[in-house]
N, C-alpha and C. Protein backbone atom coordinates (compact mmCIF):
# COMPACT_ATOMS: atom_id res chain seq x y z
N UNK A 1 200.21 34.82 119.80
CA UNK A 1 201.58 34.58 119.45
C UNK A 1 201.81 34.98 118.01
N UNK A 2 202.70 35.88 117.85
CA UNK A 2 203.05 36.26 116.49
C UNK A 2 204.53 35.99 116.28
N UNK A 3 204.80 35.35 115.19
CA UNK A 3 206.17 35.06 114.84
C UNK A 3 206.52 35.84 113.58
N UNK A 4 207.69 36.40 113.55
CA UNK A 4 208.08 37.06 112.30
C UNK A 4 208.37 36.00 111.24
N UNK A 5 207.92 36.24 110.05
CA UNK A 5 208.16 35.30 108.96
C UNK A 5 209.48 35.68 108.30
N UNK A 6 210.43 34.78 108.35
CA UNK A 6 211.73 35.10 107.74
C UNK A 6 211.63 35.13 106.21
N UNK A 7 212.58 35.72 105.60
CA UNK A 7 212.60 35.84 104.14
C UNK A 7 212.98 34.55 103.46
N UNK A 8 213.27 34.62 102.19
CA UNK A 8 213.58 33.45 101.38
C UNK A 8 214.88 32.78 101.78
N UNK A 9 215.76 33.48 102.49
CA UNK A 9 217.05 32.90 102.83
C UNK A 9 216.91 31.75 103.82
N UNK A 10 215.83 31.73 104.59
CA UNK A 10 215.65 30.67 105.58
C UNK A 10 214.27 30.04 105.40
N UNK A 11 214.05 29.33 104.31
CA UNK A 11 212.75 28.77 103.95
C UNK A 11 212.32 27.69 104.93
N UNK A 12 213.25 26.90 105.47
CA UNK A 12 212.90 25.83 106.40
C UNK A 12 212.30 26.41 107.67
N UNK A 13 212.88 27.47 108.19
CA UNK A 13 212.37 28.10 109.40
C UNK A 13 210.99 28.71 109.13
N UNK A 14 210.80 29.30 107.98
CA UNK A 14 209.51 29.89 107.60
C UNK A 14 208.43 28.82 107.55
N UNK A 15 208.74 27.68 106.92
CA UNK A 15 207.76 26.59 106.83
C UNK A 15 207.45 26.04 108.21
N UNK A 16 208.46 25.91 109.07
CA UNK A 16 208.26 25.40 110.42
C UNK A 16 207.31 26.32 111.20
N UNK A 17 207.47 27.62 111.09
CA UNK A 17 206.61 28.57 111.81
C UNK A 17 205.16 28.44 111.32
N UNK A 18 204.98 28.34 110.03
CA UNK A 18 203.62 28.23 109.47
C UNK A 18 202.99 26.90 109.89
N UNK A 19 203.73 25.81 109.82
CA UNK A 19 203.20 24.50 110.18
C UNK A 19 202.86 24.46 111.68
N UNK A 20 203.72 25.02 112.53
CA UNK A 20 203.44 25.05 113.97
C UNK A 20 202.17 25.85 114.26
N UNK A 21 201.95 26.93 113.54
CA UNK A 21 200.74 27.74 113.73
C UNK A 21 199.50 26.94 113.32
N UNK A 22 199.58 26.22 112.22
CA UNK A 22 198.45 25.41 111.76
C UNK A 22 198.18 24.27 112.74
N UNK A 23 199.23 23.62 113.24
CA UNK A 23 199.07 22.53 114.21
C UNK A 23 198.41 23.05 115.49
N UNK A 24 198.83 24.23 115.96
CA UNK A 24 198.23 24.81 117.17
C UNK A 24 196.74 25.10 116.96
N UNK A 25 196.37 25.59 115.76
CA UNK A 25 194.96 25.87 115.48
C UNK A 25 194.16 24.57 115.44
N UNK A 26 194.73 23.52 114.85
CA UNK A 26 194.03 22.23 114.78
C UNK A 26 193.84 21.65 116.18
N UNK A 27 194.86 21.71 117.00
CA UNK A 27 194.76 21.19 118.37
C UNK A 27 193.73 21.96 119.18
N UNK A 28 193.69 23.27 118.99
CA UNK A 28 192.69 24.08 119.70
C UNK A 28 191.27 23.70 119.26
N UNK A 29 191.08 23.50 117.95
CA UNK A 29 189.76 23.11 117.45
C UNK A 29 189.34 21.75 117.95
N UNK A 30 190.27 20.79 118.00
CA UNK A 30 189.95 19.46 118.51
C UNK A 30 189.59 19.50 120.00
N UNK A 31 190.30 20.33 120.76
CA UNK A 31 189.99 20.46 122.18
C UNK A 31 188.60 21.06 122.39
N UNK A 32 188.25 22.05 121.58
CA UNK A 32 186.91 22.65 121.68
C UNK A 32 185.84 21.62 121.32
N UNK A 33 186.08 20.82 120.28
CA UNK A 33 185.11 19.81 119.87
C UNK A 33 184.91 18.78 120.98
N UNK A 34 186.00 18.35 121.60
CA UNK A 34 185.88 17.37 122.68
C UNK A 34 185.13 17.93 123.87
N UNK A 35 185.40 19.19 124.22
CA UNK A 35 184.69 19.79 125.36
C UNK A 35 183.20 19.95 125.07
N UNK A 36 182.85 20.26 123.81
CA UNK A 36 181.44 20.37 123.44
C UNK A 36 180.76 19.00 123.50
N UNK A 37 181.45 17.96 123.08
CA UNK A 37 180.87 16.61 123.15
C UNK A 37 180.60 16.21 124.59
N UNK A 38 181.54 16.51 125.47
CA UNK A 38 181.35 16.18 126.89
C UNK A 38 180.17 16.96 127.45
N UNK A 39 180.06 18.24 127.08
CA UNK A 39 178.97 19.07 127.58
C UNK A 39 177.63 18.55 127.06
N UNK A 40 177.55 18.21 125.76
CA UNK A 40 176.30 17.68 125.21
C UNK A 40 175.93 16.35 125.85
N UNK A 41 176.92 15.52 126.13
CA UNK A 41 176.65 14.25 126.79
C UNK A 41 176.08 14.45 128.18
N UNK A 42 176.62 15.42 128.92
CA UNK A 42 176.11 15.70 130.26
C UNK A 42 174.68 16.25 130.19
N UNK A 43 174.41 17.12 129.19
CA UNK A 43 173.06 17.67 129.04
C UNK A 43 172.07 16.57 128.66
N UNK A 44 172.47 15.67 127.78
CA UNK A 44 171.58 14.59 127.36
C UNK A 44 171.30 13.65 128.53
N UNK A 45 172.32 13.39 129.35
CA UNK A 45 172.14 12.53 130.51
C UNK A 45 171.17 13.17 131.51
N UNK A 46 171.33 14.48 131.74
CA UNK A 46 170.44 15.18 132.66
C UNK A 46 169.01 15.20 132.13
N UNK A 47 168.86 15.40 130.80
CA UNK A 47 167.51 15.41 130.21
C UNK A 47 166.86 14.04 130.31
N UNK A 48 167.63 12.99 130.08
CA UNK A 48 167.07 11.64 130.18
C UNK A 48 166.67 11.32 131.61
N UNK A 49 167.47 11.77 132.55
CA UNK A 49 167.15 11.53 133.95
C UNK A 49 165.90 12.30 134.36
N UNK A 50 165.77 13.54 133.88
CA UNK A 50 164.59 14.34 134.21
C UNK A 50 163.35 13.76 133.56
N UNK A 51 163.49 13.20 132.35
CA UNK A 51 162.34 12.63 131.65
C UNK A 51 161.87 11.34 132.31
N UNK A 52 162.78 10.61 132.95
CA UNK A 52 162.39 9.35 133.56
C UNK A 52 161.66 9.55 134.89
N UNK A 53 161.84 10.70 135.51
CA UNK A 53 161.16 10.98 136.77
C UNK A 53 159.76 11.52 136.48
N UNK A 54 158.73 11.01 137.15
CA UNK A 54 157.38 11.52 136.89
C UNK A 54 157.24 12.94 137.44
N UNK A 55 156.44 13.71 136.73
CA UNK A 55 156.20 15.09 137.15
C UNK A 55 155.28 15.10 138.36
N UNK A 56 155.53 15.98 139.31
CA UNK A 56 154.66 16.02 140.48
C UNK A 56 153.29 16.56 140.09
N UNK A 57 152.23 16.10 140.74
CA UNK A 57 150.89 16.59 140.40
C UNK A 57 150.76 18.06 140.79
N UNK A 58 149.95 18.81 140.04
CA UNK A 58 149.79 20.22 140.36
C UNK A 58 149.11 20.40 141.71
N UNK A 59 149.53 21.39 142.42
CA UNK A 59 148.99 21.67 143.74
C UNK A 59 147.89 22.71 143.59
N UNK A 60 146.67 22.36 144.01
CA UNK A 60 145.55 23.28 143.94
C UNK A 60 145.31 23.84 145.33
N UNK A 61 145.40 25.14 145.44
CA UNK A 61 145.16 25.77 146.73
C UNK A 61 144.01 26.74 146.58
N UNK A 62 143.04 26.65 147.43
CA UNK A 62 141.92 27.58 147.40
C UNK A 62 140.93 27.24 146.30
N UNK A 63 140.03 28.17 146.06
CA UNK A 63 139.00 27.98 145.05
C UNK A 63 139.34 28.78 143.80
N UNK A 64 138.68 28.44 142.70
CA UNK A 64 138.90 29.14 141.44
C UNK A 64 138.03 30.37 141.41
N UNK A 65 138.63 31.49 141.01
CA UNK A 65 137.90 32.75 140.90
C UNK A 65 137.30 32.82 139.50
N UNK A 66 135.98 32.58 139.40
CA UNK A 66 135.32 32.56 138.11
C UNK A 66 135.24 33.93 137.45
N UNK A 67 135.42 34.98 138.21
CA UNK A 67 135.38 36.31 137.61
C UNK A 67 136.60 36.56 136.73
N UNK A 68 137.65 35.78 136.89
CA UNK A 68 138.85 35.95 136.08
C UNK A 68 138.84 35.07 134.83
N UNK A 69 137.83 34.22 134.68
CA UNK A 69 137.74 33.34 133.54
C UNK A 69 136.85 33.98 132.49
N UNK A 70 137.33 33.99 131.24
CA UNK A 70 136.54 34.54 130.14
C UNK A 70 135.55 33.48 129.66
N UNK A 71 134.26 33.78 129.78
CA UNK A 71 133.22 32.87 129.33
C UNK A 71 132.59 33.50 128.10
N UNK A 72 132.43 32.74 127.01
CA UNK A 72 131.83 33.30 125.79
C UNK A 72 130.41 33.80 126.09
N UNK A 73 130.01 34.84 125.37
CA UNK A 73 128.71 35.48 125.60
C UNK A 73 127.58 34.48 125.37
N UNK A 74 127.74 33.58 124.40
CA UNK A 74 126.68 32.60 124.12
C UNK A 74 126.39 31.74 125.35
N UNK A 75 127.39 31.42 126.11
CA UNK A 75 127.21 30.54 127.25
C UNK A 75 126.76 31.28 128.50
N UNK A 76 127.03 32.57 128.56
CA UNK A 76 126.63 33.34 129.74
C UNK A 76 125.11 33.39 129.84
N UNK A 77 124.41 33.54 128.70
CA UNK A 77 122.95 33.67 128.70
C UNK A 77 122.27 32.34 129.05
N UNK A 78 122.94 31.24 128.85
CA UNK A 78 122.33 29.94 129.12
C UNK A 78 122.44 29.61 130.61
N UNK A 79 121.37 29.14 131.15
CA UNK A 79 121.39 28.65 132.51
C UNK A 79 120.65 27.31 132.55
N UNK A 80 120.49 26.73 133.70
CA UNK A 80 119.88 25.40 133.81
C UNK A 80 118.43 25.40 133.34
N UNK A 81 117.66 26.46 133.66
CA UNK A 81 116.25 26.51 133.25
C UNK A 81 116.13 26.60 131.74
N UNK A 82 116.95 27.41 131.12
CA UNK A 82 116.90 27.57 129.67
C UNK A 82 117.26 26.26 128.98
N UNK A 83 118.25 25.58 129.49
CA UNK A 83 118.66 24.32 128.89
C UNK A 83 117.58 23.24 129.05
N UNK A 84 116.83 23.28 130.16
CA UNK A 84 115.80 22.28 130.41
C UNK A 84 114.60 22.48 129.48
N UNK A 85 114.31 23.73 129.08
CA UNK A 85 113.16 24.04 128.23
C UNK A 85 113.41 23.73 126.76
N UNK A 86 114.64 23.60 126.36
CA UNK A 86 114.94 23.37 124.95
C UNK A 86 114.55 21.96 124.52
N UNK A 87 114.15 21.85 123.26
CA UNK A 87 113.82 20.56 122.69
C UNK A 87 115.12 19.87 122.27
N UNK A 88 115.16 18.57 122.38
CA UNK A 88 116.36 17.88 121.92
C UNK A 88 116.51 17.99 120.40
N UNK A 89 117.71 18.07 119.96
CA UNK A 89 117.98 18.20 118.53
C UNK A 89 118.10 16.80 117.94
N UNK A 90 117.29 16.54 116.90
CA UNK A 90 117.33 15.25 116.24
C UNK A 90 118.26 15.34 115.03
N UNK A 91 118.99 14.27 114.78
CA UNK A 91 119.84 14.31 113.59
C UNK A 91 118.99 14.25 112.32
N UNK A 92 119.44 14.93 111.31
CA UNK A 92 118.69 14.94 110.05
C UNK A 92 118.87 13.62 109.32
N UNK A 93 117.78 13.20 108.69
CA UNK A 93 117.83 11.98 107.91
C UNK A 93 118.37 12.33 106.52
N UNK A 94 119.17 11.45 105.99
CA UNK A 94 119.66 11.68 104.64
C UNK A 94 118.59 11.31 103.65
N UNK A 95 118.38 12.16 102.65
CA UNK A 95 117.33 11.87 101.67
C UNK A 95 117.71 10.66 100.83
N UNK A 96 116.68 9.85 100.49
CA UNK A 96 116.90 8.67 99.67
C UNK A 96 116.71 9.08 98.23
N UNK A 97 117.68 8.79 97.41
CA UNK A 97 117.60 9.15 95.99
C UNK A 97 116.84 8.08 95.22
N UNK A 98 115.91 8.53 94.40
CA UNK A 98 115.16 7.60 93.56
C UNK A 98 115.98 7.27 92.33
N UNK A 99 115.97 6.05 91.96
CA UNK A 99 116.76 5.66 90.80
C UNK A 99 115.99 5.72 89.54
C-alpha cells in the first residue's frame, strides 16, 4: 500500500497517513511475534512429550560381520595362546626416600 504524501497545505492528512503506516507495521510485527510464540510452545510441548517416552531398544538382526570392523594392528597379533604365555605385570613400587 502506497499513499501519496500530501504537501504542507494538508499537514493533518500527511500525519494521519504516516501514523497509520506505523500502526500497521507495529500490528504486523506483534502478529508475527504471537505466531512465533505459539509455534515455539507447540515445539517445546512435542519435545517434552518425546523426551518422556522411553526410546525403543535397538533391534539386532543377524550376526555381526567382523570383517567390517577395524581392529588395531596391536590386537590382531594377540590371540588366546599369546595372552596365556605372558607374565602378569606387577605394579612398580614407589621408592622410599631416605631422610
